[in-house]
PDB file of N, CA and C in Angstrom:
ATOM      1  N   MET A   1     153.969 190.323 -45.138  1.00  0.00           N
ATOM      2  CA  MET A   1     152.674 189.980 -45.702  1.00  0.00           C
ATOM      3  C   MET A   1     152.550 190.641 -47.067  1.00  0.00           C
ATOM      4  N   GLY A   2     152.129 189.872 -48.076  1.00  0.00           N
ATOM      5  CA  GLY A   2     152.017 190.371 -49.436  1.00  0.00           C
ATOM      6  C   GLY A   2     150.697 191.073 -49.679  1.00  0.00           C
ATOM      7  N   VAL A   3     150.601 191.652 -50.839  1.00  0.00           N
ATOM      8  CA  VAL A   3     149.375 192.321 -51.258  1.00  0.00           C
ATOM      9  C   VAL A   3     148.377 191.257 -51.690  1.00  0.00           C
ATOM     10  N   PRO A   4     147.130 191.328 -51.189  1.00  0.00           N
ATOM     11  CA  PRO A   4     146.145 190.317 -51.579  1.00  0.00           C
ATOM     12  C   PRO A   4     145.830 190.418 -53.067  1.00  0.00           C
ATOM     13  N   ASN A   5     145.529 189.283 -53.666  1.00  0.00           N
ATOM     14  CA  ASN A   5     145.186 189.233 -55.079  1.00  0.00           C
ATOM     15  C   ASN A   5     143.861 189.945 -55.288  1.00  0.00           C
ATOM     16  N   SER A   6     143.838 190.921 -56.195  1.00  0.00           N
ATOM     17  CA  SER A   6     142.614 191.687 -56.420  1.00  0.00           C
ATOM     18  C   SER A   6     141.639 190.945 -57.335  1.00  0.00           C
ATOM     19  N   ASP A   7     142.085 189.871 -57.968  1.00  0.00           N
ATOM     20  CA  ASP A   7     141.225 189.080 -58.844  1.00  0.00           C
ATOM     21  C   ASP A   7     141.469 187.595 -58.595  1.00  0.00           C
ATOM     22  N   PRO A   8     141.002 187.077 -57.458  1.00  0.00           N
ATOM     23  CA  PRO A   8     141.227 185.657 -57.179  1.00  0.00           C
ATOM     24  C   PRO A   8     140.467 184.788 -58.168  1.00  0.00           C
ATOM     25  N   ARG A   9     141.118 183.716 -58.598  1.00  0.00           N
ATOM     26  CA  ARG A   9     140.503 182.837 -59.590  1.00  0.00           C
ATOM     27  C   ARG A   9     141.147 181.463 -59.569  1.00  0.00           C
ATOM     28  N   PHE A  10     140.392 180.509 -60.091  1.00  0.00           N
ATOM     29  CA  PHE A  10     140.919 179.175 -60.353  1.00  0.00           C
ATOM     30  C   PHE A  10     141.263 179.119 -61.831  1.00  0.00           C
ATOM     31  N   ARG A  11     142.340 178.448 -62.155  1.00  0.00           N
ATOM     32  CA  ARG A  11     142.729 178.240 -63.551  1.00  0.00           C
ATOM     33  C   ARG A  11     143.052 176.763 -63.708  1.00  0.00           C
ATOM     34  N   LEU A  12     142.331 176.109 -64.602  1.00  0.00           N
ATOM     35  CA  LEU A  12     142.540 174.697 -64.886  1.00  0.00           C
ATOM     36  C   LEU A  12     142.975 174.566 -66.334  1.00  0.00           C
ATOM     37  N   ALA A  13     144.190 174.084 -66.553  1.00  0.00           N
ATOM     38  CA  ALA A  13     144.690 173.855 -67.907  1.00  0.00           C
ATOM     39  C   ALA A  13     144.675 172.361 -68.175  1.00  0.00           C
ATOM     40  N   ILE A  14     144.038 171.980 -69.269  1.00  0.00           N
ATOM     41  CA  ILE A  14     143.988 170.583 -69.688  1.00  0.00           C
ATOM     42  C   ILE A  14     144.974 170.437 -70.836  1.00  0.00           C
ATOM     43  N   VAL A  15     145.966 169.573 -70.631  1.00  0.00           N
ATOM     44  CA  VAL A  15     147.096 169.461 -71.544  1.00  0.00           C
ATOM     45  C   VAL A  15     147.151 168.054 -72.128  1.00  0.00           C
ATOM     46  N   ASP A  16     147.446 167.977 -73.429  1.00  0.00           N
ATOM     47  CA  ASP A  16     147.661 166.684 -74.073  1.00  0.00           C
ATOM     48  C   ASP A  16     148.939 166.074 -73.510  1.00  0.00           C
ATOM     49  N   ILE A  17     148.848 164.856 -73.003  1.00  0.00           N
ATOM     50  CA  ILE A  17     149.983 164.240 -72.312  1.00  0.00           C
ATOM     51  C   ILE A  17     151.151 163.927 -73.258  1.00  0.00           C
ATOM     52  N   LYS A  18     150.849 163.652 -74.526  1.00  0.00           N
ATOM     53  CA  LYS A  18     151.922 163.310 -75.466  1.00  0.00           C
ATOM     54  C   LYS A  18     152.603 164.532 -76.058  1.00  0.00           C
ATOM     55  N   THR A  19     151.803 165.530 -76.456  1.00  0.00           N
ATOM     56  CA  THR A  19     152.370 166.689 -77.144  1.00  0.00           C
ATOM     57  C   THR A  19     152.613 167.879 -76.221  1.00  0.00           C
ATOM     58  N   HIS A  20     152.055 167.837 -75.040  1.00  0.00           N
ATOM     59  CA  HIS A  20     152.139 168.931 -74.062  1.00  0.00           C
ATOM     60  C   HIS A  20     151.475 170.210 -74.568  1.00  0.00           C
ATOM     61  N   VAL A  21     150.549 170.074 -75.483  1.00  0.00           N
ATOM     62  CA  VAL A  21     149.794 171.206 -76.009  1.00  0.00           C
ATOM     63  C   VAL A  21     148.567 171.422 -75.126  1.00  0.00           C
ATOM     64  N   GLN A  22     148.312 172.697 -74.781  1.00  0.00           N
ATOM     65  CA  GLN A  22     147.119 172.992 -74.002  1.00  0.00           C
ATOM     66  C   GLN A  22     145.898 172.814 -74.885  1.00  0.00           C
ATOM     67  N   LEU A  23     144.980 171.975 -74.441  1.00  0.00           N
ATOM     68  CA  LEU A  23     143.753 171.742 -75.184  1.00  0.00           C
ATOM     69  C   LEU A  23     142.666 172.715 -74.765  1.00  0.00           C
ATOM     70  N   TRP A  24     142.522 172.916 -73.466  1.00  0.00           N
ATOM     71  CA  TRP A  24     141.551 173.847 -72.916  1.00  0.00           C
ATOM     72  C   TRP A  24     142.151 174.509 -71.695  1.00  0.00           C
ATOM     73  N   VAL A  25     141.711 175.732 -71.467  1.00  0.00           N
ATOM     74  CA  VAL A  25     142.024 176.433 -70.224  1.00  0.00           C
ATOM     75  C   VAL A  25     140.702 176.976 -69.693  1.00  0.00           C
ATOM     76  N   LEU A  26     140.361 176.579 -68.496  1.00  0.00           N
ATOM     77  CA  LEU A  26     139.139 177.046 -67.849  1.00  0.00           C
ATOM     78  C   LEU A  26     139.525 177.971 -66.705  1.00  0.00           C
ATOM     79  N   ILE A  27     138.884 179.119 -66.642  1.00  0.00           N
ATOM     80  CA  ILE A  27     139.150 180.079 -65.569  1.00  0.00           C
ATOM     81  C   ILE A  27     137.829 180.424 -64.909  1.00  0.00           C
ATOM     82  N   GLU A  28     137.824 180.361 -63.613  1.00  0.00           N
ATOM     83  CA  GLU A  28     136.632 180.710 -62.845  1.00  0.00           C
ATOM     84  C   GLU A  28     137.030 181.711 -61.773  1.00  0.00           C
ATOM     85  N   HIS A  29     136.391 182.864 -61.789  1.00  0.00           N
ATOM     86  CA  HIS A  29     136.713 183.923 -60.830  1.00  0.00           C
ATOM     87  C   HIS A  29     135.986 183.688 -59.512  1.00  0.00           C
ATOM     88  N   VAL A  30     136.644 184.051 -58.430  1.00  0.00           N
ATOM     89  CA  VAL A  30     136.068 183.948 -57.092  1.00  0.00           C
ATOM     90  C   VAL A  30     135.652 185.345 -56.671  1.00  0.00           C
ATOM     91  N   ARG A  31     134.384 185.502 -56.346  1.00  0.00           N
ATOM     92  CA  ARG A  31     133.909 186.816 -55.914  1.00  0.00           C
ATOM     93  C   ARG A  31     134.566 187.189 -54.594  1.00  0.00           C
ATOM     94  N   PRO A  32     135.052 188.412 -54.477  1.00  0.00           N
ATOM     95  CA  PRO A  32     135.657 188.839 -53.208  1.00  0.00           C
ATOM     96  C   PRO A  32     134.587 189.044 -52.137  1.00  0.00           C
ATOM     97  N   ALA A  33     135.008 188.947 -50.894  1.00  0.00           N
ATOM     98  CA  ALA A  33     134.101 189.160 -49.763  1.00  0.00           C
ATOM     99  C   ALA A  33     134.916 189.618 -48.566  1.00  0.00           C
ATOM    100  N   LEU A  34     134.268 190.344 -47.684  1.00  0.00           N
ATOM    101  CA  LEU A  34     134.960 190.839 -46.494  1.00  0.00           C
ATOM    102  C   LEU A  34     134.982 189.807 -45.364  1.00  0.00           C
ATOM    103  N   LEU A  35     133.883 189.124 -45.177  1.00  0.00           N
ATOM    104  CA  LEU A  35     133.783 188.172 -44.075  1.00  0.00           C
ATOM    105  C   LEU A  35     134.307 186.801 -44.493  1.00  0.00           C
ATOM    106  N   GLN A  36     134.980 186.110 -43.587  1.00  0.00           N
ATOM    107  CA  GLN A  36     135.584 184.811 -43.871  1.00  0.00           C
ATOM    108  C   GLN A  36     134.550 183.797 -44.339  1.00  0.00           C
ATOM    109  N   GLY A  37     133.387 183.788 -43.728  1.00  0.00           N
ATOM    110  CA  GLY A  37     132.352 182.839 -44.123  1.00  0.00           C
ATOM    111  C   GLY A  37     131.911 183.043 -45.567  1.00  0.00           C
ATOM    112  N   ASN A  38     131.782 184.299 -45.961  1.00  0.00           N
ATOM    113  CA  ASN A  38     131.404 184.605 -47.341  1.00  0.00           C
ATOM    114  C   ASN A  38     132.540 184.275 -48.305  1.00  0.00           C
ATOM    115  N   ARG A  39     133.783 184.503 -47.889  1.00  0.00           N
ATOM    116  CA  ARG A  39     134.923 184.135 -48.739  1.00  0.00           C
ATOM    117  C   ARG A  39     134.940 182.631 -48.968  1.00  0.00           C
ATOM    118  N   ASP A  40     134.706 181.871 -47.910  1.00  0.00           N
ATOM    119  CA  ASP A  40     134.675 180.410 -48.033  1.00  0.00           C
ATOM    120  C   ASP A  40     133.554 179.959 -48.968  1.00  0.00           C
ATOM    121  N   LYS A  41     132.381 180.563 -48.828  1.00  0.00           N
ATOM    122  CA  LYS A  41     131.233 180.219 -49.671  1.00  0.00           C
ATOM    123  C   LYS A  41     131.530 180.552 -51.137  1.00  0.00           C
ATOM    124  N   ASN A  42     132.091 181.721 -51.395  1.00  0.00           N
ATOM    125  CA  ASN A  42     132.418 182.130 -52.760  1.00  0.00           C
ATOM    126  C   ASN A  42     133.495 181.229 -53.372  1.00  0.00           C
ATOM    127  N   PHE A  43     134.451 180.823 -52.553  1.00  0.00           N
ATOM    128  CA  PHE A  43     135.500 179.897 -52.987  1.00  0.00           C
ATOM    129  C   PHE A  43     134.869 178.583 -53.421  1.00  0.00           C
ATOM    130  N   ASP A  44     133.999 178.036 -52.578  1.00  0.00           N
ATOM    131  CA  ASP A  44     133.332 176.768 -52.887  1.00  0.00           C
ATOM    132  C   ASP A  44     132.481 176.873 -54.147  1.00  0.00           C
ATOM    133  N   GLU A  45     131.744 177.977 -54.299  1.00  0.00           N
ATOM    134  CA  GLU A  45     130.889 178.156 -55.474  1.00  0.00           C
ATOM    135  C   GLU A  45     131.712 178.230 -56.755  1.00  0.00           C
ATOM    136  N   ALA A  46     132.827 178.938 -56.714  1.00  0.00           N
ATOM    137  CA  ALA A  46     133.681 179.048 -57.898  1.00  0.00           C
ATOM    138  C   ALA A  46     134.269 177.693 -58.268  1.00  0.00           C
ATOM    139  N   LEU A  47     134.655 176.925 -57.272  1.00  0.00           N
ATOM    140  CA  LEU A  47     135.208 175.599 -57.535  1.00  0.00           C
ATOM    141  C   LEU A  47     134.158 174.680 -58.147  1.00  0.00           C
ATOM    142  N   VAL A  48     132.931 174.755 -57.669  1.00  0.00           N
ATOM    143  CA  VAL A  48     131.842 173.950 -58.231  1.00  0.00           C
ATOM    144  C   VAL A  48     131.599 174.338 -59.685  1.00  0.00           C
ATOM    145  N   ARG A  49     131.607 175.643 -59.991  1.00  0.00           N
ATOM    146  CA  ARG A  49     131.422 176.085 -61.376  1.00  0.00           C
ATOM    147  C   ARG A  49     132.542 175.563 -62.267  1.00  0.00           C
ATOM    148  N   LEU A  50     133.773 175.580 -61.769  1.00  0.00           N
ATOM    149  CA  LEU A  50     134.905 175.087 -62.548  1.00  0.00           C
ATOM    150  C   LEU A  50     134.753 173.598 -62.842  1.00  0.00           C
ATOM    151  N   VAL A  51     134.382 172.826 -61.847  1.00  0.00           N
ATOM    152  CA  VAL A  51     134.190 171.378 -62.034  1.00  0.00           C
ATOM    153  C   VAL A  51     133.032 171.116 -63.001  1.00  0.00           C
ATOM    154  N   ASP A  52     131.950 171.884 -62.872  1.00  0.00           N
ATOM    155  CA  ASP A  52     130.820 171.720 -63.793  1.00  0.00           C
ATOM    156  C   ASP A  52     131.235 172.009 -65.232  1.00  0.00           C
ATOM    157  N   ASN A  53     132.047 173.048 -65.438  1.00  0.00           N
ATOM    158  CA  ASN A  53     132.521 173.374 -66.782  1.00  0.00           C
ATOM    159  C   ASN A  53     133.418 172.265 -67.331  1.00  0.00           C
ATOM    160  N   ALA A  54     134.261 171.702 -66.484  1.00  0.00           N
ATOM    161  CA  ALA A  54     135.131 170.601 -66.918  1.00  0.00           C
ATOM    162  C   ALA A  54     134.287 169.374 -67.269  1.00  0.00           C
ATOM    163  N   LYS A  55     133.262 169.098 -66.486  1.00  0.00           N
ATOM    164  CA  LYS A  55     132.361 167.979 -66.790  1.00  0.00           C
ATOM    165  C   LYS A  55     131.646 168.204 -68.112  1.00  0.00           C
ATOM    166  N   ALA A  56     131.260 169.437 -68.395  1.00  0.00           N
ATOM    167  CA  ALA A  56     130.574 169.752 -69.645  1.00  0.00           C
ATOM    168  C   ALA A  56     131.481 169.470 -70.840  1.00  0.00           C
ATOM    169  N   LEU A  57     132.766 169.718 -70.686  1.00  0.00           N
ATOM    170  CA  LEU A  57     133.705 169.412 -71.772  1.00  0.00           C
ATOM    171  C   LEU A  57     133.746 167.918 -72.055  1.00  0.00           C
ATOM    172  N   THR A  58     133.762 167.114 -71.010  1.00  0.00           N
ATOM    173  CA  THR A  58     133.838 165.668 -71.198  1.00  0.00           C
ATOM    174  C   THR A  58     132.520 165.098 -71.699  1.00  0.00           C
ATOM    175  N   ALA A  59     131.411 165.804 -71.438  1.00  0.00           N
ATOM    176  CA  ALA A  59     130.104 165.338 -71.890  1.00  0.00           C
ATOM    177  C   ALA A  59     129.811 165.780 -73.320  1.00  0.00           C
ATOM    178  N   GLY A  60     130.688 166.615 -73.877  1.00  0.00           N
ATOM    179  CA  GLY A  60     130.498 167.064 -75.248  1.00  0.00           C
ATOM    180  C   GLY A  60     129.592 168.266 -75.383  1.00  0.00           C
ATOM    181  N   THR A  61     129.260 168.919 -74.272  1.00  0.00           N
ATOM    182  CA  THR A  61     128.461 170.143 -74.337  1.00  0.00           C
ATOM    183  C   THR A  61     129.357 171.324 -73.988  1.00  0.00           C
ATOM    184  N   SER A  62     128.953 172.487 -74.405  1.00  0.00           N
ATOM    185  CA  SER A  62     129.756 173.670 -74.085  1.00  0.00           C
ATOM    186  C   SER A  62     129.501 174.078 -72.637  1.00  0.00           C
ATOM    187  N   PRO A  63     130.504 174.649 -71.978  1.00  0.00           N
ATOM    188  CA  PRO A  63     130.305 175.110 -70.607  1.00  0.00           C
ATOM    189  C   PRO A  63     129.179 176.137 -70.499  1.00  0.00           C
ATOM    190  N   ALA A  64     129.010 176.981 -71.513  1.00  0.00           N
ATOM    191  CA  ALA A  64     127.924 177.968 -71.480  1.00  0.00           C
ATOM    192  C   ALA A  64     126.561 177.292 -71.506  1.00  0.00           C
ATOM    193  N   ALA A  65     126.428 176.230 -72.309  1.00  0.00           N
ATOM    194  CA  ALA A  65     125.159 175.501 -72.374  1.00  0.00           C
ATOM    195  C   ALA A  65     124.885 174.788 -71.054  1.00  0.00           C
ATOM    196  N   ALA A  66     125.929 174.249 -70.437  1.00  0.00           N
ATOM    197  CA  ALA A  66     125.755 173.577 -69.155  1.00  0.00           C
ATOM    198  C   ALA A  66     125.343 174.567 -68.073  1.00  0.00           C
ATOM    199  N   ALA A  67     125.919 175.781 -68.104  1.00  0.00           N
ATOM    200  CA  ALA A  67     125.565 176.804 -67.115  1.00  0.00           C
ATOM    201  C   ALA A  67     124.125 177.262 -67.295  1.00  0.00           C
ATOM    202  N   ALA A  68     123.652 177.306 -68.534  1.00  0.00           N
ATOM    203  CA  ALA A  68     122.292 177.735 -68.812  1.00  0.00           C
ATOM    204  C   ALA A  68     121.280 176.727 -68.271  1.00  0.00           C
ATOM    205  N   GLN A  69     121.681 175.445 -68.191  1.00  0.00           N
ATOM    206  CA  GLN A  69     120.763 174.425 -67.685  1.00  0.00           C
ATOM    207  C   GLN A  69     120.612 174.509 -66.177  1.00  0.00           C
ATOM    208  N   ASN A  70     121.597 175.073 -65.478  1.00  0.00           N
ATOM    209  CA  ASN A  70     121.548 175.149 -64.003  1.00  0.00           C
ATOM    210  C   ASN A  70     120.740 176.287 -63.546  1.00  0.00           C
TER     211      ASN A  70
END
């Protein structure tokens, strides 16, 4: 059994298909928790934040502005 990751996170890299250049990298941290139910909830919340940030990029707004609206 390995050492658990002390900083769990999602990382989404958006890459230009022709040039293979990274256009954006979005990182969303998952809050740690002791209980499985809380870990699952924190995992889901981090994933929702990541998707919201990606949607904000496609809508032409900054992820920070989109987070402020929520």
